């Protein structure tokens, strides 16, 4: 008899006391905290900043290292059956680009992800991704255009590249040259915060 393999997706929930609003993070290794302690990652630090700023949100990290837009799109229906986010941060596409996946496929997957999230009633914060220069100017330009196009939709806010001022600094990168060190995580959150901030809502009694 062939063995049966069960795949379990672990949602890491970081809750503020009494919080009922939810921020979902749907990303890859940059959001999953590859190579660093979980509490050092920018998603974990997001919960702390929200609390310090007076926001009561539960932060659910559904990010997986190595995730692609296709993989995230495939499991999104199941995620949205379990939780109803108020805000969803989509940090995807980097692995697609590094693998040279056709741009039309990346665009279609991201479009479907955005539409599913919007249909659930959640705001969408799409994080723009960039590629190393060795992938060629033509491909990189068209890759960036995918995000610009999706970001122009009324139901999407386009956030700046989360690795801005980090990816080109070897002192902030792990030895693989791809993943940021723990020291860079607060910078990643700082890059994201200005675009996330307008979507946040404080409790009426605060």
N, C-alpha and C. Protein backbone atom coordinates (compact mmCIF):
# COMPACT_ATOMS: atom_id res chain seq x y z
N UNK A 1 0.85 -1.20 0.00
CA UNK A 1 0.00 0.00 0.00
C UNK A 1 0.88 1.24 0.00
N UNK A 2 0.53 2.19 -0.84
CA UNK A 2 1.29 3.42 -0.91
C UNK A 2 1.04 4.27 0.33
N UNK A 3 2.07 4.87 0.90
CA UNK A 3 1.85 5.72 2.08
C UNK A 3 1.05 6.96 1.71
N UNK A 4 0.24 7.40 2.65
CA UNK A 4 -0.56 8.60 2.44
C UNK A 4 0.14 9.76 3.12
N UNK A 5 0.34 10.83 2.38
CA UNK A 5 1.01 12.00 2.91
C UNK A 5 0.00 13.10 3.19
N UNK A 6 0.02 13.62 4.38
CA UNK A 6 -0.86 14.71 4.75
C UNK A 6 -0.04 15.98 4.82
N UNK A 7 -0.50 17.01 4.16
CA UNK A 7 0.17 18.30 4.18
C UNK A 7 -0.64 19.25 5.07
N UNK A 8 -0.01 19.76 6.07
CA UNK A 8 -0.68 20.65 7.01
C UNK A 8 -0.08 22.04 6.89
N UNK A 9 -0.91 23.03 6.68
CA UNK A 9 -0.45 24.41 6.64
C UNK A 9 -0.63 25.00 8.03
N UNK A 10 0.46 25.50 8.59
CA UNK A 10 0.45 26.05 9.93
C UNK A 10 0.28 27.56 9.87
N UNK A 11 -0.77 28.06 10.47
CA UNK A 11 -0.97 29.49 10.57
C UNK A 11 -0.38 29.96 11.89
N UNK A 12 0.54 30.88 11.83
CA UNK A 12 1.11 31.44 13.04
C UNK A 12 0.32 32.68 13.39
N UNK A 13 -0.38 32.63 14.50
CA UNK A 13 -1.25 33.73 14.91
C UNK A 13 -0.63 34.48 16.06
N UNK A 14 -0.51 35.77 15.89
CA UNK A 14 0.05 36.64 16.91
C UNK A 14 -1.03 37.62 17.30
N UNK A 15 -1.60 37.46 18.48
CA UNK A 15 -2.82 38.18 18.83
C UNK A 15 -2.59 39.22 19.90
N UNK A 16 -3.22 40.36 19.70
CA UNK A 16 -3.31 41.35 20.76
C UNK A 16 -4.53 41.03 21.60
N UNK A 17 -4.49 41.27 22.91
CA UNK A 17 -5.64 40.95 23.77
C UNK A 17 -6.90 41.65 23.27
N UNK A 18 -7.96 40.85 23.12
CA UNK A 18 -9.24 41.42 22.73
C UNK A 18 -9.36 41.80 21.27
N UNK A 19 -8.36 41.45 20.47
CA UNK A 19 -8.40 41.86 19.07
C UNK A 19 -9.39 41.00 18.30
N UNK A 20 -10.11 41.63 17.38
CA UNK A 20 -11.01 40.86 16.53
C UNK A 20 -10.76 41.14 15.05
N UNK A 21 -9.97 42.15 14.76
CA UNK A 21 -9.60 42.43 13.37
C UNK A 21 -8.35 41.63 13.02
N UNK A 22 -8.25 41.25 11.75
CA UNK A 22 -7.19 40.32 11.33
C UNK A 22 -6.39 40.90 10.18
N UNK A 23 -5.08 40.77 10.28
CA UNK A 23 -4.17 41.03 9.16
C UNK A 23 -3.58 39.69 8.76
N UNK A 24 -3.76 39.32 7.52
CA UNK A 24 -3.20 38.09 6.97
C UNK A 24 -1.97 38.44 6.14
N UNK A 25 -0.89 37.71 6.35
CA UNK A 25 0.31 37.88 5.54
C UNK A 25 0.48 36.63 4.68
N UNK A 26 0.41 36.82 3.37
CA UNK A 26 0.53 35.72 2.42
C UNK A 26 1.82 35.95 1.63
N UNK A 27 2.87 35.25 2.01
CA UNK A 27 4.15 35.53 1.38
C UNK A 27 5.04 34.31 1.25
N UNK A 28 6.30 34.59 0.96
CA UNK A 28 7.30 33.54 0.79
C UNK A 28 8.31 33.61 1.93
N UNK A 29 9.55 33.21 1.66
CA UNK A 29 10.55 33.14 2.72
C UNK A 29 10.88 34.49 3.33
N UNK A 30 10.69 35.58 2.60
CA UNK A 30 10.94 36.90 3.15
C UNK A 30 10.01 37.22 4.31
N UNK A 31 8.81 36.66 4.25
CA UNK A 31 7.83 36.87 5.32
C UNK A 31 7.78 35.69 6.29
N UNK A 32 8.26 34.54 5.85
CA UNK A 32 8.29 33.36 6.73
C UNK A 32 9.48 33.41 7.68
N UNK A 33 10.44 34.32 7.43
CA UNK A 33 11.59 34.46 8.32
C UNK A 33 12.64 33.38 8.12
N UNK A 34 12.94 33.08 6.88
CA UNK A 34 13.92 32.04 6.58
C UNK A 34 15.28 32.37 7.19
N UNK A 35 15.83 31.41 7.92
CA UNK A 35 17.18 31.54 8.44
C UNK A 35 17.33 32.37 9.70
N UNK A 36 16.22 32.82 10.27
CA UNK A 36 16.28 33.62 11.50
C UNK A 36 15.26 33.09 12.49
N UNK A 37 15.39 33.52 13.74
CA UNK A 37 14.42 33.11 14.76
C UNK A 37 13.05 33.72 14.43
N UNK A 38 11.96 32.97 14.65
CA UNK A 38 10.63 33.48 14.29
C UNK A 38 10.31 34.84 14.90
N UNK A 39 10.73 35.05 16.14
CA UNK A 39 10.40 36.32 16.80
C UNK A 39 11.20 37.50 16.26
N UNK A 40 12.19 37.21 15.40
CA UNK A 40 12.99 38.28 14.81
C UNK A 40 12.40 38.78 13.49
N UNK A 41 11.50 38.01 12.92
CA UNK A 41 10.96 38.35 11.61
C UNK A 41 10.11 39.60 11.61
N UNK A 42 9.97 40.22 10.44
CA UNK A 42 9.23 41.48 10.35
C UNK A 42 7.75 41.28 10.66
N UNK A 43 7.22 40.09 10.36
CA UNK A 43 5.79 39.84 10.64
C UNK A 43 5.55 39.82 12.14
N UNK A 44 6.44 39.18 12.89
CA UNK A 44 6.32 39.18 14.34
C UNK A 44 6.45 40.59 14.88
N UNK A 45 7.40 41.34 14.33
CA UNK A 45 7.59 42.72 14.77
C UNK A 45 6.41 43.62 14.42
N UNK A 46 5.69 43.26 13.37
CA UNK A 46 4.49 44.01 13.00
C UNK A 46 3.48 44.00 14.13
N UNK A 47 3.29 42.86 14.74
CA UNK A 47 2.33 42.76 15.85
C UNK A 47 2.72 43.71 16.96
N UNK A 48 4.01 43.77 17.30
CA UNK A 48 4.48 44.66 18.37
C UNK A 48 4.25 46.12 18.02
N UNK A 49 4.50 46.47 16.77
CA UNK A 49 4.32 47.86 16.37
C UNK A 49 2.85 48.25 16.38
N UNK A 50 2.01 47.35 15.94
CA UNK A 50 0.57 47.63 15.97
C UNK A 50 0.11 47.93 17.39
N UNK A 51 0.57 47.11 18.32
CA UNK A 51 0.19 47.30 19.71
C UNK A 51 0.70 48.63 20.25
N UNK A 52 1.95 48.95 19.94
CA UNK A 52 2.53 50.20 20.41
C UNK A 52 1.82 51.41 19.83
N UNK A 53 1.31 51.26 18.60
CA UNK A 53 0.64 52.38 17.94
C UNK A 53 -0.85 52.45 18.29
N UNK A 54 -1.32 51.52 19.12
CA UNK A 54 -2.70 51.57 19.57
C UNK A 54 -3.69 50.82 18.69
N UNK A 55 -3.20 49.88 17.89
CA UNK A 55 -4.07 49.10 17.02
C UNK A 55 -4.22 47.68 17.56
N UNK A 56 -5.45 47.18 17.57
CA UNK A 56 -5.72 45.82 18.05
C UNK A 56 -6.02 44.91 16.86
N UNK A 57 -4.99 44.26 16.38
CA UNK A 57 -5.13 43.34 15.26
C UNK A 57 -4.50 42.00 15.60
N UNK A 58 -5.15 40.94 15.15
CA UNK A 58 -4.52 39.63 15.14
C UNK A 58 -3.75 39.51 13.83
N UNK A 59 -2.48 39.12 13.91
CA UNK A 59 -1.65 38.97 12.72
C UNK A 59 -1.45 37.49 12.45
N UNK A 60 -1.90 37.03 11.30
CA UNK A 60 -1.78 35.62 10.93
C UNK A 60 -0.81 35.50 9.77
N UNK A 61 0.26 34.76 10.00
CA UNK A 61 1.29 34.59 8.98
C UNK A 61 1.10 33.25 8.27
N UNK A 62 0.63 33.31 7.04
CA UNK A 62 0.43 32.10 6.24
C UNK A 62 1.51 31.99 5.16
N UNK A 63 2.68 32.53 5.45
CA UNK A 63 3.78 32.53 4.48
C UNK A 63 4.56 31.21 4.54
N UNK A 64 5.08 30.80 3.40
CA UNK A 64 5.85 29.56 3.28
C UNK A 64 7.11 29.84 2.48
N UNK A 65 8.24 29.39 3.00
CA UNK A 65 9.50 29.55 2.26
C UNK A 65 9.41 28.80 0.93
N UNK A 66 9.88 29.45 -0.12
CA UNK A 66 9.83 28.85 -1.46
C UNK A 66 8.51 29.02 -2.17
N UNK A 67 7.55 29.71 -1.56
CA UNK A 67 6.22 29.84 -2.15
C UNK A 67 6.26 30.60 -3.47
N UNK A 68 5.42 30.17 -4.38
CA UNK A 68 5.22 30.84 -5.67
C UNK A 68 3.80 31.39 -5.74
N UNK A 69 3.54 32.20 -6.73
CA UNK A 69 2.19 32.73 -6.90
C UNK A 69 1.19 31.60 -7.18
N UNK A 70 1.64 30.59 -7.91
CA UNK A 70 0.76 29.45 -8.19
C UNK A 70 0.42 28.70 -6.92
N UNK A 71 1.45 28.44 -6.09
CA UNK A 71 1.22 27.72 -4.85
C UNK A 71 0.30 28.47 -3.92
N UNK A 72 0.52 29.76 -3.77
CA UNK A 72 -0.32 30.57 -2.88
C UNK A 72 -1.75 30.64 -3.40
N UNK A 73 -1.89 30.78 -4.71
CA UNK A 73 -3.22 30.83 -5.30
C UNK A 73 -3.97 29.52 -5.07
N UNK A 74 -3.24 28.41 -5.12
CA UNK A 74 -3.86 27.10 -4.96
C UNK A 74 -4.38 26.88 -3.54
N UNK A 75 -3.69 27.43 -2.55
CA UNK A 75 -4.11 27.19 -1.16
C UNK A 75 -4.93 28.34 -0.57
N UNK A 76 -5.11 29.40 -1.33
CA UNK A 76 -5.79 30.58 -0.79
C UNK A 76 -7.24 30.30 -0.43
N UNK A 77 -7.93 29.51 -1.25
CA UNK A 77 -9.34 29.21 -0.97
C UNK A 77 -9.48 28.57 0.40
N UNK A 78 -8.60 27.62 0.71
CA UNK A 78 -8.65 26.96 2.01
C UNK A 78 -8.36 27.92 3.16
N UNK A 79 -7.41 28.84 2.93
CA UNK A 79 -7.09 29.82 3.97
C UNK A 79 -8.29 30.71 4.27
N UNK A 80 -8.93 31.20 3.20
CA UNK A 80 -10.05 32.12 3.37
C UNK A 80 -11.30 31.42 3.91
N UNK A 81 -11.34 30.10 3.86
CA UNK A 81 -12.44 29.37 4.50
C UNK A 81 -12.24 29.34 6.02
N UNK A 82 -10.99 29.43 6.46
CA UNK A 82 -10.68 29.35 7.88
C UNK A 82 -10.69 30.71 8.56
N UNK A 83 -10.26 31.75 7.85
CA UNK A 83 -10.17 33.07 8.46
C UNK A 83 -10.77 34.12 7.53
N UNK A 84 -11.18 35.23 8.10
CA UNK A 84 -11.73 36.34 7.34
C UNK A 84 -10.90 37.59 7.63
N UNK A 85 -9.85 37.82 6.87
CA UNK A 85 -8.98 38.96 7.15
C UNK A 85 -9.61 40.29 6.80
N UNK A 86 -9.21 41.31 7.54
CA UNK A 86 -9.61 42.68 7.21
C UNK A 86 -8.61 43.31 6.25
N UNK A 87 -7.34 42.92 6.41
CA UNK A 87 -6.26 43.38 5.54
C UNK A 87 -5.41 42.18 5.18
N UNK A 88 -5.05 42.07 3.92
CA UNK A 88 -4.15 40.99 3.50
C UNK A 88 -2.93 41.59 2.81
N UNK A 89 -1.77 41.24 3.33
CA UNK A 89 -0.50 41.67 2.73
C UNK A 89 -0.02 40.54 1.84
N UNK A 90 0.11 40.82 0.55
CA UNK A 90 0.55 39.82 -0.43
C UNK A 90 1.99 40.12 -0.81
N UNK A 91 2.90 39.27 -0.37
CA UNK A 91 4.33 39.42 -0.66
C UNK A 91 4.76 38.19 -1.44
N UNK A 92 4.55 38.22 -2.74
CA UNK A 92 4.77 37.06 -3.60
C UNK A 92 5.32 37.48 -4.96
N UNK A 93 5.91 36.53 -5.64
CA UNK A 93 6.39 36.76 -7.00
C UNK A 93 7.89 36.69 -7.14
N UNK A 94 8.61 36.86 -6.03
CA UNK A 94 10.06 36.82 -6.10
C UNK A 94 10.58 35.48 -6.58
N UNK A 95 10.03 34.40 -6.03
CA UNK A 95 10.46 33.07 -6.44
C UNK A 95 10.09 32.79 -7.89
N UNK A 96 8.94 33.30 -8.31
CA UNK A 96 8.53 33.14 -9.71
C UNK A 96 9.57 33.79 -10.63
N UNK A 97 9.93 35.03 -10.30
CA UNK A 97 10.87 35.75 -11.13
C UNK A 97 12.23 35.09 -11.17
N UNK A 98 12.70 34.62 -10.01
CA UNK A 98 14.01 33.97 -9.95
C UNK A 98 14.03 32.68 -10.75
N UNK A 99 12.88 32.05 -10.91
CA UNK A 99 12.78 30.81 -11.68
C UNK A 99 12.46 31.06 -13.15
N UNK A 100 12.27 32.33 -13.50
CA UNK A 100 11.99 32.66 -14.88
C UNK A 100 10.62 32.21 -15.36
N UNK A 101 9.67 32.13 -14.45
CA UNK A 101 8.31 31.74 -14.81
C UNK A 101 7.72 32.80 -15.75
N UNK A 102 7.00 32.38 -16.79
CA UNK A 102 6.44 33.34 -17.73
C UNK A 102 5.67 34.46 -17.03
N UNK A 103 5.88 35.66 -17.49
CA UNK A 103 5.27 36.82 -16.84
C UNK A 103 3.75 36.79 -16.88
N UNK A 104 3.20 36.26 -17.95
CA UNK A 104 1.74 36.17 -18.05
C UNK A 104 1.18 35.27 -16.95
N UNK A 105 1.91 34.21 -16.63
CA UNK A 105 1.48 33.30 -15.57
C UNK A 105 1.55 33.98 -14.21
N UNK A 106 2.63 34.73 -13.98
CA UNK A 106 2.76 35.46 -12.72
C UNK A 106 1.63 36.46 -12.57
N UNK A 107 1.38 37.21 -13.64
CA UNK A 107 0.33 38.22 -13.62
C UNK A 107 -1.04 37.59 -13.35
N UNK A 108 -1.34 36.51 -14.04
CA UNK A 108 -2.65 35.87 -13.87
C UNK A 108 -2.82 35.33 -12.46
N UNK A 109 -1.77 34.73 -11.92
CA UNK A 109 -1.85 34.19 -10.55
C UNK A 109 -2.07 35.32 -9.54
N UNK A 110 -1.31 36.39 -9.66
CA UNK A 110 -1.46 37.50 -8.74
C UNK A 110 -2.84 38.15 -8.87
N UNK A 111 -3.32 38.24 -10.11
CA UNK A 111 -4.65 38.80 -10.34
C UNK A 111 -5.72 37.95 -9.64
N UNK A 112 -5.61 36.64 -9.77
CA UNK A 112 -6.59 35.77 -9.13
C UNK A 112 -6.50 35.87 -7.61
N UNK A 113 -5.28 35.97 -7.09
CA UNK A 113 -5.09 36.12 -5.65
C UNK A 113 -5.76 37.39 -5.17
N UNK A 114 -5.51 38.49 -5.86
CA UNK A 114 -6.10 39.77 -5.49
C UNK A 114 -7.63 39.71 -5.54
N UNK A 115 -8.17 39.10 -6.58
CA UNK A 115 -9.62 39.03 -6.72
C UNK A 115 -10.26 38.18 -5.63
N UNK A 116 -9.62 37.07 -5.28
CA UNK A 116 -10.17 36.22 -4.22
C UNK A 116 -10.15 36.94 -2.88
N UNK A 117 -9.08 37.64 -2.61
CA UNK A 117 -8.97 38.37 -1.35
C UNK A 117 -10.00 39.49 -1.29
N UNK A 118 -10.12 40.22 -2.38
CA UNK A 118 -11.10 41.31 -2.43
C UNK A 118 -12.51 40.80 -2.25
N UNK A 119 -12.81 39.67 -2.87
CA UNK A 119 -14.15 39.08 -2.76
C UNK A 119 -14.47 38.65 -1.34
N UNK A 120 -13.43 38.39 -0.55
CA UNK A 120 -13.64 37.99 0.85
C UNK A 120 -13.94 39.19 1.74
N UNK A 121 -13.79 40.39 1.19
CA UNK A 121 -14.03 41.60 1.96
C UNK A 121 -12.78 42.23 2.55
N UNK A 122 -11.63 41.69 2.22
CA UNK A 122 -10.37 42.18 2.77
C UNK A 122 -9.75 43.23 1.86
N UNK A 123 -9.11 44.22 2.48
CA UNK A 123 -8.26 45.14 1.72
C UNK A 123 -7.00 44.40 1.27
N UNK A 124 -6.41 44.83 0.17
CA UNK A 124 -5.23 44.16 -0.37
C UNK A 124 -4.06 45.12 -0.42
N UNK A 125 -2.97 44.74 0.23
CA UNK A 125 -1.72 45.47 0.12
C UNK A 125 -0.74 44.57 -0.63
N UNK A 126 -0.48 44.91 -1.87
CA UNK A 126 0.40 44.12 -2.72
C UNK A 126 1.81 44.69 -2.65
N UNK A 127 2.76 43.86 -2.23
CA UNK A 127 4.14 44.29 -2.08
C UNK A 127 4.88 44.11 -3.40
N UNK A 128 5.40 45.21 -3.93
CA UNK A 128 6.15 45.14 -5.18
C UNK A 128 7.43 44.35 -4.98
N UNK A 129 7.78 43.53 -5.96
CA UNK A 129 9.01 42.76 -5.92
C UNK A 129 9.94 43.19 -7.05
N UNK A 130 11.24 43.07 -6.81
CA UNK A 130 12.25 43.38 -7.81
C UNK A 130 13.18 42.19 -7.96
N UNK A 131 13.93 42.17 -9.05
CA UNK A 131 14.85 41.08 -9.34
C UNK A 131 16.28 41.59 -9.47
N UNK A 132 17.26 40.71 -9.27
CA UNK A 132 18.66 41.11 -9.47
C UNK A 132 18.90 41.55 -10.91
N UNK A 133 19.86 42.45 -11.14
CA UNK A 133 20.10 42.99 -12.48
C UNK A 133 20.55 41.96 -13.51
N UNK A 134 21.07 40.83 -13.05
CA UNK A 134 21.55 39.82 -13.99
C UNK A 134 20.43 39.09 -14.73
N UNK A 135 19.19 39.39 -14.38
CA UNK A 135 18.07 38.77 -15.09
C UNK A 135 17.72 39.52 -16.38
N UNK A 136 18.41 40.59 -16.63
CA UNK A 136 18.22 41.31 -17.89
C UNK A 136 17.19 42.41 -17.77
N UNK A 137 17.51 43.54 -18.39
CA UNK A 137 16.67 44.72 -18.28
C UNK A 137 15.26 44.50 -18.81
N UNK A 138 15.15 43.77 -19.92
CA UNK A 138 13.84 43.58 -20.56
C UNK A 138 12.90 42.79 -19.65
N UNK A 139 13.40 41.68 -19.10
CA UNK A 139 12.56 40.85 -18.24
C UNK A 139 12.21 41.60 -16.96
N UNK A 140 13.19 42.28 -16.37
CA UNK A 140 12.95 43.01 -15.13
C UNK A 140 11.92 44.11 -15.33
N UNK A 141 12.02 44.83 -16.44
CA UNK A 141 11.07 45.90 -16.72
C UNK A 141 9.65 45.36 -16.82
N UNK A 142 9.50 44.24 -17.51
CA UNK A 142 8.17 43.66 -17.67
C UNK A 142 7.69 43.05 -16.35
N UNK A 143 8.61 42.53 -15.55
CA UNK A 143 8.27 41.98 -14.24
C UNK A 143 7.71 43.07 -13.34
N UNK A 144 8.38 44.21 -13.29
CA UNK A 144 7.93 45.34 -12.49
C UNK A 144 6.58 45.85 -12.99
N UNK A 145 6.40 45.82 -14.31
CA UNK A 145 5.15 46.31 -14.89
C UNK A 145 3.94 45.50 -14.42
N UNK A 146 4.15 44.22 -14.11
CA UNK A 146 3.06 43.39 -13.60
C UNK A 146 2.50 43.99 -12.32
N UNK A 147 3.38 44.40 -11.42
CA UNK A 147 2.95 44.97 -10.14
C UNK A 147 2.33 46.35 -10.32
N UNK A 148 2.92 47.14 -11.21
CA UNK A 148 2.36 48.47 -11.46
C UNK A 148 0.94 48.36 -12.00
N UNK A 149 0.73 47.39 -12.89
CA UNK A 149 -0.59 47.21 -13.48
C UNK A 149 -1.61 46.79 -12.42
N UNK A 150 -1.24 45.81 -11.58
CA UNK A 150 -2.15 45.36 -10.54
C UNK A 150 -2.36 46.45 -9.49
N UNK A 151 -1.32 47.21 -9.22
CA UNK A 151 -1.42 48.26 -8.23
C UNK A 151 -2.29 49.43 -8.65
N UNK A 152 -2.59 49.52 -9.94
CA UNK A 152 -3.45 50.59 -10.44
C UNK A 152 -4.93 50.30 -10.24
N UNK A 153 -5.25 49.09 -9.81
CA UNK A 153 -6.65 48.73 -9.57
C UNK A 153 -7.18 49.42 -8.31
N UNK A 154 -8.46 49.70 -8.33
CA UNK A 154 -9.08 50.42 -7.21
C UNK A 154 -9.03 49.62 -5.90
N UNK A 155 -9.00 48.30 -6.01
CA UNK A 155 -9.06 47.46 -4.81
C UNK A 155 -7.68 47.04 -4.29
N UNK A 156 -6.63 47.67 -4.79
CA UNK A 156 -5.27 47.29 -4.42
C UNK A 156 -4.44 48.52 -4.07
N UNK A 157 -3.66 48.40 -2.99
CA UNK A 157 -2.64 49.40 -2.69
C UNK A 157 -1.28 48.74 -2.94
N UNK A 158 -0.44 49.40 -3.71
CA UNK A 158 0.87 48.84 -4.04
C UNK A 158 1.90 49.40 -3.06
N UNK A 159 2.54 48.49 -2.32
CA UNK A 159 3.58 48.88 -1.37
C UNK A 159 4.94 48.82 -2.06
N UNK A 160 5.88 49.61 -1.54
CA UNK A 160 7.22 49.64 -2.11
C UNK A 160 7.93 48.31 -1.87
N UNK A 161 9.01 48.11 -2.58
CA UNK A 161 9.82 46.90 -2.46
C UNK A 161 10.26 46.72 -1.01
N UNK A 162 9.91 45.60 -0.42
CA UNK A 162 10.16 45.38 0.99
C UNK A 162 11.65 45.27 1.32
N UNK A 163 12.46 44.99 0.30
CA UNK A 163 13.91 44.85 0.50
C UNK A 163 14.66 46.10 0.06
N UNK A 164 13.97 47.21 -0.07
CA UNK A 164 14.60 48.46 -0.48
C UNK A 164 15.70 48.85 0.51
N UNK A 165 16.88 49.18 0.01
CA UNK A 165 18.05 49.54 0.82
C UNK A 165 18.60 48.38 1.64
N UNK A 166 18.14 47.18 1.35
CA UNK A 166 18.59 45.98 2.06
C UNK A 166 19.26 45.00 1.10
N UNK A 167 18.58 44.71 0.00
CA UNK A 167 19.05 43.68 -0.92
C UNK A 167 20.44 43.97 -1.48
N UNK A 168 20.78 45.25 -1.60
CA UNK A 168 22.08 45.61 -2.17
C UNK A 168 23.13 45.92 -1.09
N UNK A 169 22.83 45.56 0.15
CA UNK A 169 23.76 45.77 1.25
C UNK A 169 24.18 44.42 1.82
N UNK A 170 25.39 43.93 1.49
CA UNK A 170 25.83 42.60 1.95
C UNK A 170 25.82 42.44 3.46
N UNK A 171 26.00 43.53 4.19
CA UNK A 171 26.02 43.45 5.65
C UNK A 171 24.66 43.10 6.23
N UNK A 172 23.60 43.30 5.44
CA UNK A 172 22.25 43.01 5.90
C UNK A 172 21.69 41.71 5.34
N UNK A 173 22.49 41.02 4.53
CA UNK A 173 22.02 39.80 3.87
C UNK A 173 22.71 38.56 4.43
N UNK A 174 21.97 37.46 4.46
CA UNK A 174 22.55 36.18 4.86
C UNK A 174 23.54 35.72 3.79
N UNK A 175 24.27 34.67 4.08
CA UNK A 175 25.34 34.21 3.20
C UNK A 175 24.86 33.78 1.82
N UNK A 176 23.56 33.45 1.70
CA UNK A 176 23.03 33.05 0.39
C UNK A 176 22.80 34.24 -0.53
N UNK A 177 22.88 35.45 0.01
CA UNK A 177 22.68 36.64 -0.80
C UNK A 177 21.25 36.91 -1.19
N UNK A 178 20.33 36.12 -0.67
CA UNK A 178 18.92 36.23 -1.03
C UNK A 178 18.06 36.66 0.15
N UNK A 179 18.37 36.10 1.31
CA UNK A 179 17.52 36.34 2.48
C UNK A 179 18.16 37.33 3.44
N UNK A 180 17.35 38.22 3.99
CA UNK A 180 17.87 39.25 4.90
C UNK A 180 18.17 38.68 6.29
N UNK A 181 19.12 39.30 6.96
CA UNK A 181 19.44 38.94 8.33
C UNK A 181 18.37 39.48 9.29
N UNK A 182 18.49 39.06 10.55
CA UNK A 182 17.55 39.55 11.56
C UNK A 182 17.64 41.06 11.70
N UNK A 183 18.86 41.59 11.53
CA UNK A 183 19.06 43.03 11.69
C UNK A 183 18.28 43.85 10.66
N UNK A 184 17.92 43.23 9.55
CA UNK A 184 17.23 43.94 8.47
C UNK A 184 15.72 43.92 8.61
N UNK A 185 15.19 43.13 9.54
CA UNK A 185 13.74 42.93 9.60
C UNK A 185 12.98 44.21 9.95
N UNK A 186 13.53 45.02 10.84
CA UNK A 186 12.84 46.26 11.18
C UNK A 186 12.83 47.21 10.00
N UNK A 187 13.87 47.16 9.17
CA UNK A 187 13.90 47.97 7.96
C UNK A 187 12.83 47.51 6.98
N UNK A 188 12.61 46.20 6.90
CA UNK A 188 11.57 45.67 6.03
C UNK A 188 10.20 46.18 6.48
N UNK A 189 9.99 46.15 7.79
CA UNK A 189 8.72 46.65 8.32
C UNK A 189 8.59 48.15 8.07
N UNK A 190 9.68 48.88 8.22
CA UNK A 190 9.66 50.31 7.94
C UNK A 190 9.32 50.60 6.49
N UNK A 191 9.81 49.75 5.58
CA UNK A 191 9.50 49.92 4.16
C UNK A 191 8.01 49.72 3.89
N UNK A 192 7.42 48.81 4.63
CA UNK A 192 6.00 48.46 4.41
C UNK A 192 5.04 49.40 5.12
N UNK A 193 5.43 49.90 6.27
CA UNK A 193 4.52 50.61 7.17
C UNK A 193 3.79 51.80 6.53
N UNK A 194 4.46 52.67 5.79
CA UNK A 194 3.75 53.84 5.24
C UNK A 194 2.57 53.47 4.34
N UNK A 195 2.65 52.33 3.68
CA UNK A 195 1.55 51.91 2.80
C UNK A 195 0.51 51.10 3.55
N UNK A 196 0.90 50.46 4.65
CA UNK A 196 -0.05 49.71 5.47
C UNK A 196 -0.85 50.65 6.37
N UNK A 197 -0.20 51.66 6.87
CA UNK A 197 -0.80 52.57 7.87
C UNK A 197 -2.19 53.10 7.46
N UNK A 198 -2.37 53.56 6.22
CA UNK A 198 -3.71 54.11 5.85
C UNK A 198 -4.84 53.09 5.92
N UNK A 199 -4.52 51.81 5.92
CA UNK A 199 -5.54 50.78 5.96
C UNK A 199 -5.98 50.41 7.37
N UNK A 200 -5.21 50.84 8.36
CA UNK A 200 -5.45 50.43 9.74
C UNK A 200 -6.59 51.23 10.37
N UNK A 201 -7.29 50.58 11.28
CA UNK A 201 -8.38 51.22 12.01
C UNK A 201 -8.18 50.98 13.50
N UNK A 202 -8.30 52.04 14.28
CA UNK A 202 -8.23 51.91 15.73
C UNK A 202 -9.61 51.59 16.30
N UNK A 203 -9.61 50.94 17.46
CA UNK A 203 -10.88 50.68 18.13
C UNK A 203 -11.54 52.00 18.50
N UNK A 204 -12.85 52.04 18.48
CA UNK A 204 -13.58 53.28 18.72
C UNK A 204 -13.37 53.82 20.12
N UNK A 205 -13.00 52.94 21.07
CA UNK A 205 -12.82 53.39 22.45
C UNK A 205 -11.39 53.80 22.74
N UNK A 206 -10.54 53.86 21.71
CA UNK A 206 -9.16 54.28 21.92
C UNK A 206 -8.98 55.73 21.55
